[in-house]
Amino acid sequence: MLVIGAVVLVLALVIGYAVTRSSNKAQAGSDIPLDILAMNASQLSNNNYVLDGTVIDRFPRGESELISFLYKDASGREYIIPICVSAEARNGLNINRDQQYRIEFRVEDINPNVRGVCMATSILPK
């Protein structure tokens, strides 16, 4: 649990750094308001999103895993989004690093202290 918590914290810090060093705002009509995700993901809870990107790392834990998902917006800015992928969402798919995927996910509140977690609903290779 501590390792997963540390990974999520590091990924959140990377996202926050990437967002704050860039002065550009996310383009209107993008699939997910990434600036809000980096600063206060709980504002996006109970919403569904779809992104195309690359898995840059994965952290298997039993039947589920946490992936680092690299997404590039229309302006070329890069975002690393931590996404939990259950066995059900994976549906037998082997997820590989440096491969492109289309991922559908829902931002959920796990409990009152853990809010704004990206949970995959499906993942498909591109």
N, C-alpha and C. Protein backbone atom coordinates (compact mmCIF):
# COMPACT_ATOMS: atom_id res chain seq x y z
N MET A 1 0.83 -1.19 0.00
CA MET A 1 0.00 0.00 0.00
C MET A 1 0.87 1.25 0.00
N LEU A 2 1.95 1.21 0.78
CA LEU A 2 2.84 2.37 0.84
C LEU A 2 3.51 2.63 -0.50
N VAL A 3 3.89 1.56 -1.20
CA VAL A 3 4.52 1.73 -2.51
C VAL A 3 3.55 2.36 -3.49
N ILE A 4 2.31 1.88 -3.51
CA ILE A 4 1.31 2.45 -4.41
C ILE A 4 1.05 3.90 -4.04
N GLY A 5 0.94 4.19 -2.76
CA GLY A 5 0.73 5.57 -2.33
C GLY A 5 1.88 6.46 -2.75
N ALA A 6 3.11 5.95 -2.62
CA ALA A 6 4.29 6.74 -3.01
C ALA A 6 4.30 6.98 -4.51
N VAL A 7 3.94 5.96 -5.30
CA VAL A 7 3.89 6.10 -6.75
C VAL A 7 2.85 7.13 -7.16
N VAL A 8 1.67 7.06 -6.56
CA VAL A 8 0.62 8.02 -6.87
C VAL A 8 1.06 9.43 -6.50
N LEU A 9 1.71 9.58 -5.36
CA LEU A 9 2.18 10.90 -4.93
C LEU A 9 3.22 11.44 -5.91
N VAL A 10 4.18 10.61 -6.32
CA VAL A 10 5.21 11.04 -7.26
C VAL A 10 4.57 11.43 -8.59
N LEU A 11 3.64 10.63 -9.07
CA LEU A 11 2.98 10.95 -10.33
C LEU A 11 2.18 12.24 -10.22
N ALA A 12 1.52 12.46 -9.09
CA ALA A 12 0.78 13.70 -8.90
C ALA A 12 1.72 14.90 -8.91
N LEU A 13 2.89 14.75 -8.30
CA LEU A 13 3.87 15.84 -8.30
C LEU A 13 4.39 16.11 -9.70
N VAL A 14 4.62 15.05 -10.49
CA VAL A 14 5.08 15.23 -11.87
C VAL A 14 4.02 15.95 -12.68
N ILE A 15 2.77 15.56 -12.52
CA ILE A 15 1.68 16.23 -13.24
C ILE A 15 1.60 17.69 -12.82
N GLY A 16 1.66 17.94 -11.53
CA GLY A 16 1.60 19.31 -11.03
C GLY A 16 2.75 20.15 -11.57
N TYR A 17 3.96 19.60 -11.60
CA TYR A 17 5.11 20.33 -12.14
C TYR A 17 4.91 20.63 -13.62
N ALA A 18 4.47 19.62 -14.40
CA ALA A 18 4.28 19.83 -15.83
C ALA A 18 3.24 20.91 -16.10
N VAL A 19 2.20 20.94 -15.31
CA VAL A 19 1.14 21.93 -15.51
C VAL A 19 1.60 23.32 -15.10
N THR A 20 2.29 23.44 -13.98
CA THR A 20 2.68 24.76 -13.48
C THR A 20 3.81 25.39 -14.28
N ARG A 21 4.67 24.60 -14.91
CA ARG A 21 5.76 25.20 -15.68
C ARG A 21 5.30 25.70 -17.03
N SER A 22 4.14 25.30 -17.46
CA SER A 22 3.60 25.75 -18.73
C SER A 22 2.56 26.83 -18.49
N SER A 23 2.65 27.90 -19.24
CA SER A 23 1.70 29.00 -19.04
C SER A 23 0.47 28.86 -19.93
N ASN A 24 0.45 27.88 -20.83
CA ASN A 24 -0.69 27.69 -21.72
C ASN A 24 -1.84 27.02 -20.99
N LYS A 25 -3.05 27.39 -21.33
CA LYS A 25 -4.24 26.74 -20.79
C LYS A 25 -4.62 25.58 -21.71
N ALA A 26 -5.30 24.58 -21.15
CA ALA A 26 -5.79 23.48 -21.97
C ALA A 26 -6.78 24.01 -22.98
N GLN A 27 -6.75 23.45 -24.17
CA GLN A 27 -7.65 23.90 -25.22
C GLN A 27 -9.08 23.52 -24.92
N ALA A 28 -9.99 24.40 -25.30
CA ALA A 28 -11.41 24.10 -25.14
C ALA A 28 -11.74 22.87 -25.97
N GLY A 29 -12.58 22.03 -25.45
CA GLY A 29 -12.99 20.83 -26.17
C GLY A 29 -12.07 19.64 -25.96
N SER A 30 -11.02 19.79 -25.16
CA SER A 30 -10.18 18.63 -24.89
C SER A 30 -10.99 17.62 -24.07
N ASP A 31 -10.60 16.36 -24.13
CA ASP A 31 -11.39 15.31 -23.50
C ASP A 31 -11.44 15.42 -21.98
N ILE A 32 -10.38 15.93 -21.37
CA ILE A 32 -10.33 16.02 -19.91
C ILE A 32 -9.64 17.32 -19.53
N PRO A 33 -10.17 18.07 -18.59
CA PRO A 33 -9.50 19.30 -18.15
C PRO A 33 -8.27 18.97 -17.30
N LEU A 34 -7.13 18.79 -17.96
CA LEU A 34 -5.94 18.27 -17.30
C LEU A 34 -5.40 19.21 -16.23
N ASP A 35 -5.59 20.51 -16.38
CA ASP A 35 -5.15 21.44 -15.34
C ASP A 35 -5.89 21.16 -14.03
N ILE A 36 -7.18 20.90 -14.13
CA ILE A 36 -7.97 20.58 -12.93
C ILE A 36 -7.55 19.23 -12.38
N LEU A 37 -7.30 18.25 -13.26
CA LEU A 37 -6.88 16.93 -12.80
C LEU A 37 -5.60 17.04 -11.97
N ALA A 38 -4.67 17.84 -12.42
CA ALA A 38 -3.39 17.96 -11.71
C ALA A 38 -3.55 18.68 -10.38
N MET A 39 -4.41 19.69 -10.32
CA MET A 39 -4.51 20.51 -9.12
C MET A 39 -5.57 20.03 -8.13
N ASN A 40 -6.70 19.51 -8.64
CA ASN A 40 -7.78 19.12 -7.74
C ASN A 40 -8.68 18.12 -8.46
N ALA A 41 -8.19 16.89 -8.58
CA ALA A 41 -8.89 15.86 -9.33
C ALA A 41 -10.28 15.56 -8.79
N SER A 42 -10.51 15.81 -7.50
CA SER A 42 -11.82 15.49 -6.93
C SER A 42 -12.93 16.32 -7.57
N GLN A 43 -12.60 17.46 -8.19
CA GLN A 43 -13.61 18.26 -8.88
C GLN A 43 -14.17 17.51 -10.10
N LEU A 44 -13.43 16.54 -10.60
CA LEU A 44 -13.85 15.79 -11.79
C LEU A 44 -14.56 14.49 -11.45
N SER A 45 -14.75 14.21 -10.16
CA SER A 45 -15.34 12.94 -9.74
C SER A 45 -16.68 12.68 -10.41
N ASN A 46 -16.91 11.39 -10.69
CA ASN A 46 -18.13 10.89 -11.32
C ASN A 46 -18.27 11.32 -12.77
N ASN A 47 -17.15 11.61 -13.44
CA ASN A 47 -17.15 11.93 -14.86
C ASN A 47 -16.32 10.89 -15.60
N ASN A 48 -16.69 10.64 -16.86
CA ASN A 48 -15.99 9.68 -17.70
C ASN A 48 -15.20 10.41 -18.78
N TYR A 49 -14.02 9.85 -19.14
CA TYR A 49 -13.15 10.45 -20.14
C TYR A 49 -12.54 9.37 -21.01
N VAL A 50 -12.07 9.78 -22.20
CA VAL A 50 -11.39 8.89 -23.13
C VAL A 50 -10.13 9.60 -23.61
N LEU A 51 -8.99 8.91 -23.56
CA LEU A 51 -7.74 9.47 -24.04
C LEU A 51 -6.97 8.44 -24.85
N ASP A 52 -6.22 8.91 -25.83
CA ASP A 52 -5.26 8.09 -26.55
C ASP A 52 -3.88 8.49 -26.08
N GLY A 53 -3.03 7.50 -25.79
CA GLY A 53 -1.69 7.82 -25.32
C GLY A 53 -0.85 6.58 -25.19
N THR A 54 0.23 6.70 -24.42
CA THR A 54 1.23 5.65 -24.29
C THR A 54 1.41 5.27 -22.82
N VAL A 55 1.47 3.98 -22.56
CA VAL A 55 1.79 3.51 -21.21
C VAL A 55 3.30 3.61 -21.06
N ILE A 56 3.76 4.44 -20.11
CA ILE A 56 5.20 4.58 -19.93
C ILE A 56 5.74 3.76 -18.77
N ASP A 57 4.86 3.34 -17.87
CA ASP A 57 5.27 2.45 -16.80
C ASP A 57 4.04 1.77 -16.23
N ARG A 58 4.27 0.64 -15.59
CA ARG A 58 3.16 -0.09 -14.98
C ARG A 58 3.63 -0.73 -13.69
N PHE A 59 2.68 -0.81 -12.76
CA PHE A 59 2.97 -1.31 -11.43
C PHE A 59 1.91 -2.34 -11.06
N PRO A 60 2.10 -3.62 -11.49
CA PRO A 60 1.11 -4.66 -11.20
C PRO A 60 1.00 -4.94 -9.70
N ARG A 61 -0.24 -5.12 -9.25
CA ARG A 61 -0.52 -5.48 -7.86
C ARG A 61 -1.66 -6.48 -7.87
N GLY A 62 -1.31 -7.75 -7.87
CA GLY A 62 -2.35 -8.78 -7.93
C GLY A 62 -3.04 -8.74 -9.28
N GLU A 63 -4.35 -8.71 -9.27
CA GLU A 63 -5.11 -8.68 -10.53
C GLU A 63 -5.23 -7.27 -11.10
N SER A 64 -4.95 -6.26 -10.31
CA SER A 64 -5.04 -4.87 -10.77
C SER A 64 -3.64 -4.30 -10.94
N GLU A 65 -3.57 -3.14 -11.58
CA GLU A 65 -2.30 -2.46 -11.68
C GLU A 65 -2.49 -0.96 -11.84
N LEU A 66 -1.45 -0.24 -11.51
CA LEU A 66 -1.42 1.20 -11.70
C LEU A 66 -0.53 1.47 -12.89
N ILE A 67 -1.01 2.26 -13.85
CA ILE A 67 -0.18 2.60 -15.01
C ILE A 67 0.08 4.10 -15.03
N SER A 68 1.23 4.46 -15.59
CA SER A 68 1.55 5.85 -15.88
C SER A 68 1.23 6.04 -17.35
N PHE A 69 0.26 6.89 -17.64
CA PHE A 69 -0.26 7.05 -18.99
C PHE A 69 0.18 8.41 -19.52
N LEU A 70 0.94 8.44 -20.61
CA LEU A 70 1.42 9.68 -21.21
C LEU A 70 0.44 10.14 -22.27
N TYR A 71 -0.07 11.34 -22.09
CA TYR A 71 -1.04 11.92 -23.03
C TYR A 71 -0.47 13.24 -23.54
N LYS A 72 -0.54 13.46 -24.86
CA LYS A 72 -0.13 14.72 -25.47
C LYS A 72 -1.38 15.43 -25.97
N ASP A 73 -1.55 16.69 -25.54
CA ASP A 73 -2.72 17.44 -26.01
C ASP A 73 -2.44 18.03 -27.40
N ALA A 74 -3.42 18.74 -27.95
CA ALA A 74 -3.32 19.27 -29.31
C ALA A 74 -2.18 20.27 -29.46
N SER A 75 -1.79 20.94 -28.38
CA SER A 75 -0.69 21.91 -28.46
C SER A 75 0.68 21.24 -28.27
N GLY A 76 0.70 19.93 -28.01
CA GLY A 76 1.96 19.22 -27.84
C GLY A 76 2.42 19.08 -26.41
N ARG A 77 1.67 19.66 -25.46
CA ARG A 77 2.05 19.50 -24.05
C ARG A 77 1.83 18.06 -23.63
N GLU A 78 2.72 17.56 -22.78
CA GLU A 78 2.62 16.19 -22.30
C GLU A 78 2.13 16.16 -20.87
N TYR A 79 1.33 15.17 -20.57
CA TYR A 79 0.80 14.95 -19.23
C TYR A 79 0.98 13.49 -18.88
N ILE A 80 1.38 13.21 -17.65
CA ILE A 80 1.45 11.83 -17.16
C ILE A 80 0.30 11.67 -16.18
N ILE A 81 -0.57 10.72 -16.47
CA ILE A 81 -1.77 10.52 -15.67
C ILE A 81 -1.70 9.13 -15.04
N PRO A 82 -1.79 9.03 -13.71
CA PRO A 82 -1.85 7.72 -13.06
C PRO A 82 -3.26 7.16 -13.18
N ILE A 83 -3.38 5.94 -13.69
CA ILE A 83 -4.69 5.32 -13.88
C ILE A 83 -4.65 3.90 -13.33
N CYS A 84 -5.63 3.56 -12.49
CA CYS A 84 -5.78 2.21 -11.96
C CYS A 84 -6.54 1.36 -12.99
N VAL A 85 -6.00 0.19 -13.28
CA VAL A 85 -6.63 -0.71 -14.26
C VAL A 85 -6.93 -2.03 -13.56
N SER A 86 -8.21 -2.36 -13.47
CA SER A 86 -8.62 -3.62 -12.87
C SER A 86 -8.55 -4.73 -13.91
N ALA A 87 -8.61 -5.98 -13.43
CA ALA A 87 -8.64 -7.13 -14.33
C ALA A 87 -9.86 -7.06 -15.23
N GLU A 88 -10.97 -6.58 -14.70
CA GLU A 88 -12.19 -6.46 -15.49
C GLU A 88 -12.02 -5.46 -16.63
N ALA A 89 -11.41 -4.31 -16.36
CA ALA A 89 -11.19 -3.30 -17.40
C ALA A 89 -10.18 -3.79 -18.44
N ARG A 90 -9.18 -4.53 -17.98
CA ARG A 90 -8.14 -5.06 -18.88
C ARG A 90 -8.71 -6.15 -19.78
N ASN A 91 -9.66 -6.92 -19.28
CA ASN A 91 -10.35 -7.94 -20.06
C ASN A 91 -9.38 -8.87 -20.80
N GLY A 92 -8.35 -9.35 -20.08
CA GLY A 92 -7.39 -10.30 -20.66
C GLY A 92 -6.27 -9.66 -21.47
N LEU A 93 -6.29 -8.38 -21.68
CA LEU A 93 -5.27 -7.68 -22.45
C LEU A 93 -3.97 -7.60 -21.67
N ASN A 94 -2.85 -7.92 -22.33
CA ASN A 94 -1.54 -7.70 -21.73
C ASN A 94 -1.13 -6.26 -22.01
N ILE A 95 -0.94 -5.48 -20.97
CA ILE A 95 -0.56 -4.08 -21.12
C ILE A 95 0.97 -4.02 -21.12
N ASN A 96 1.53 -3.36 -22.13
CA ASN A 96 2.97 -3.26 -22.28
C ASN A 96 3.44 -1.82 -22.23
N ARG A 97 4.62 -1.61 -21.68
CA ARG A 97 5.23 -0.28 -21.67
C ARG A 97 5.53 0.15 -23.10
N ASP A 98 5.52 1.45 -23.31
CA ASP A 98 5.86 2.07 -24.60
C ASP A 98 4.91 1.67 -25.73
N GLN A 99 3.71 1.20 -25.38
CA GLN A 99 2.70 0.87 -26.38
C GLN A 99 1.57 1.89 -26.30
N GLN A 100 0.92 2.12 -27.43
CA GLN A 100 -0.18 3.08 -27.50
C GLN A 100 -1.51 2.37 -27.21
N TYR A 101 -2.36 3.07 -26.46
CA TYR A 101 -3.67 2.54 -26.08
C TYR A 101 -4.71 3.66 -26.10
N ARG A 102 -5.93 3.26 -26.27
CA ARG A 102 -7.08 4.13 -26.01
C ARG A 102 -7.66 3.65 -24.69
N ILE A 103 -7.76 4.58 -23.75
CA ILE A 103 -8.22 4.20 -22.42
C ILE A 103 -9.45 5.04 -22.06
N GLU A 104 -10.46 4.35 -21.58
CA GLU A 104 -11.65 5.01 -21.06
C GLU A 104 -11.56 4.88 -19.55
N PHE A 105 -11.79 6.00 -18.84
CA PHE A 105 -11.71 5.94 -17.38
C PHE A 105 -12.72 6.87 -16.75
N ARG A 106 -12.97 6.59 -15.49
CA ARG A 106 -13.89 7.37 -14.68
C ARG A 106 -13.11 7.90 -13.48
N VAL A 107 -13.33 9.15 -13.15
CA VAL A 107 -12.70 9.74 -11.97
C VAL A 107 -13.63 9.45 -10.80
N GLU A 108 -13.10 8.76 -9.78
CA GLU A 108 -13.94 8.30 -8.67
C GLU A 108 -13.37 8.74 -7.33
N ASP A 109 -14.26 8.84 -6.36
CA ASP A 109 -13.87 9.03 -4.97
C ASP A 109 -13.89 7.66 -4.31
N ILE A 110 -12.75 7.19 -3.86
CA ILE A 110 -12.64 5.87 -3.25
C ILE A 110 -13.24 5.89 -1.85
N ASN A 111 -12.92 6.92 -1.10
CA ASN A 111 -13.49 7.16 0.23
C ASN A 111 -13.32 8.65 0.51
N PRO A 112 -13.80 9.16 1.63
CA PRO A 112 -13.71 10.61 1.88
C PRO A 112 -12.29 11.17 1.89
N ASN A 113 -11.31 10.32 2.15
CA ASN A 113 -9.92 10.78 2.19
C ASN A 113 -9.16 10.55 0.88
N VAL A 114 -9.68 9.68 0.01
CA VAL A 114 -9.04 9.38 -1.27
C VAL A 114 -10.03 9.73 -2.37
N ARG A 115 -9.80 10.89 -2.98
CA ARG A 115 -10.76 11.40 -3.96
C ARG A 115 -10.06 11.70 -5.28
N GLY A 116 -10.83 11.63 -6.37
CA GLY A 116 -10.31 12.00 -7.67
C GLY A 116 -9.34 10.99 -8.26
N VAL A 117 -9.61 9.70 -8.08
CA VAL A 117 -8.74 8.64 -8.60
C VAL A 117 -9.26 8.22 -9.98
N CYS A 118 -8.35 8.13 -10.95
CA CYS A 118 -8.71 7.70 -12.32
C CYS A 118 -8.77 6.18 -12.34
N MET A 119 -9.96 5.63 -12.62
CA MET A 119 -10.17 4.19 -12.66
C MET A 119 -10.58 3.79 -14.08
N ALA A 120 -9.78 2.95 -14.73
CA ALA A 120 -10.06 2.53 -16.09
C ALA A 120 -11.35 1.73 -16.17
N THR A 121 -12.16 2.01 -17.19
CA THR A 121 -13.34 1.20 -17.47
C THR A 121 -13.07 0.29 -18.68
N SER A 122 -12.13 0.69 -19.56
CA SER A 122 -11.67 -0.18 -20.65
C SER A 122 -10.35 0.36 -21.18
N ILE A 123 -9.57 -0.56 -21.76
CA ILE A 123 -8.31 -0.18 -22.38
C ILE A 123 -8.14 -1.05 -23.62
N LEU A 124 -7.83 -0.39 -24.74
CA LEU A 124 -7.69 -1.10 -26.01
C LEU A 124 -6.40 -0.64 -26.70
N PRO A 125 -5.69 -1.57 -27.37
CA PRO A 125 -4.49 -1.17 -28.10
C PRO A 125 -4.86 -0.31 -29.30
N LYS A 126 -3.96 0.59 -29.66
CA LYS A 126 -4.16 1.45 -30.83
C LYS A 126 -3.46 0.85 -32.02
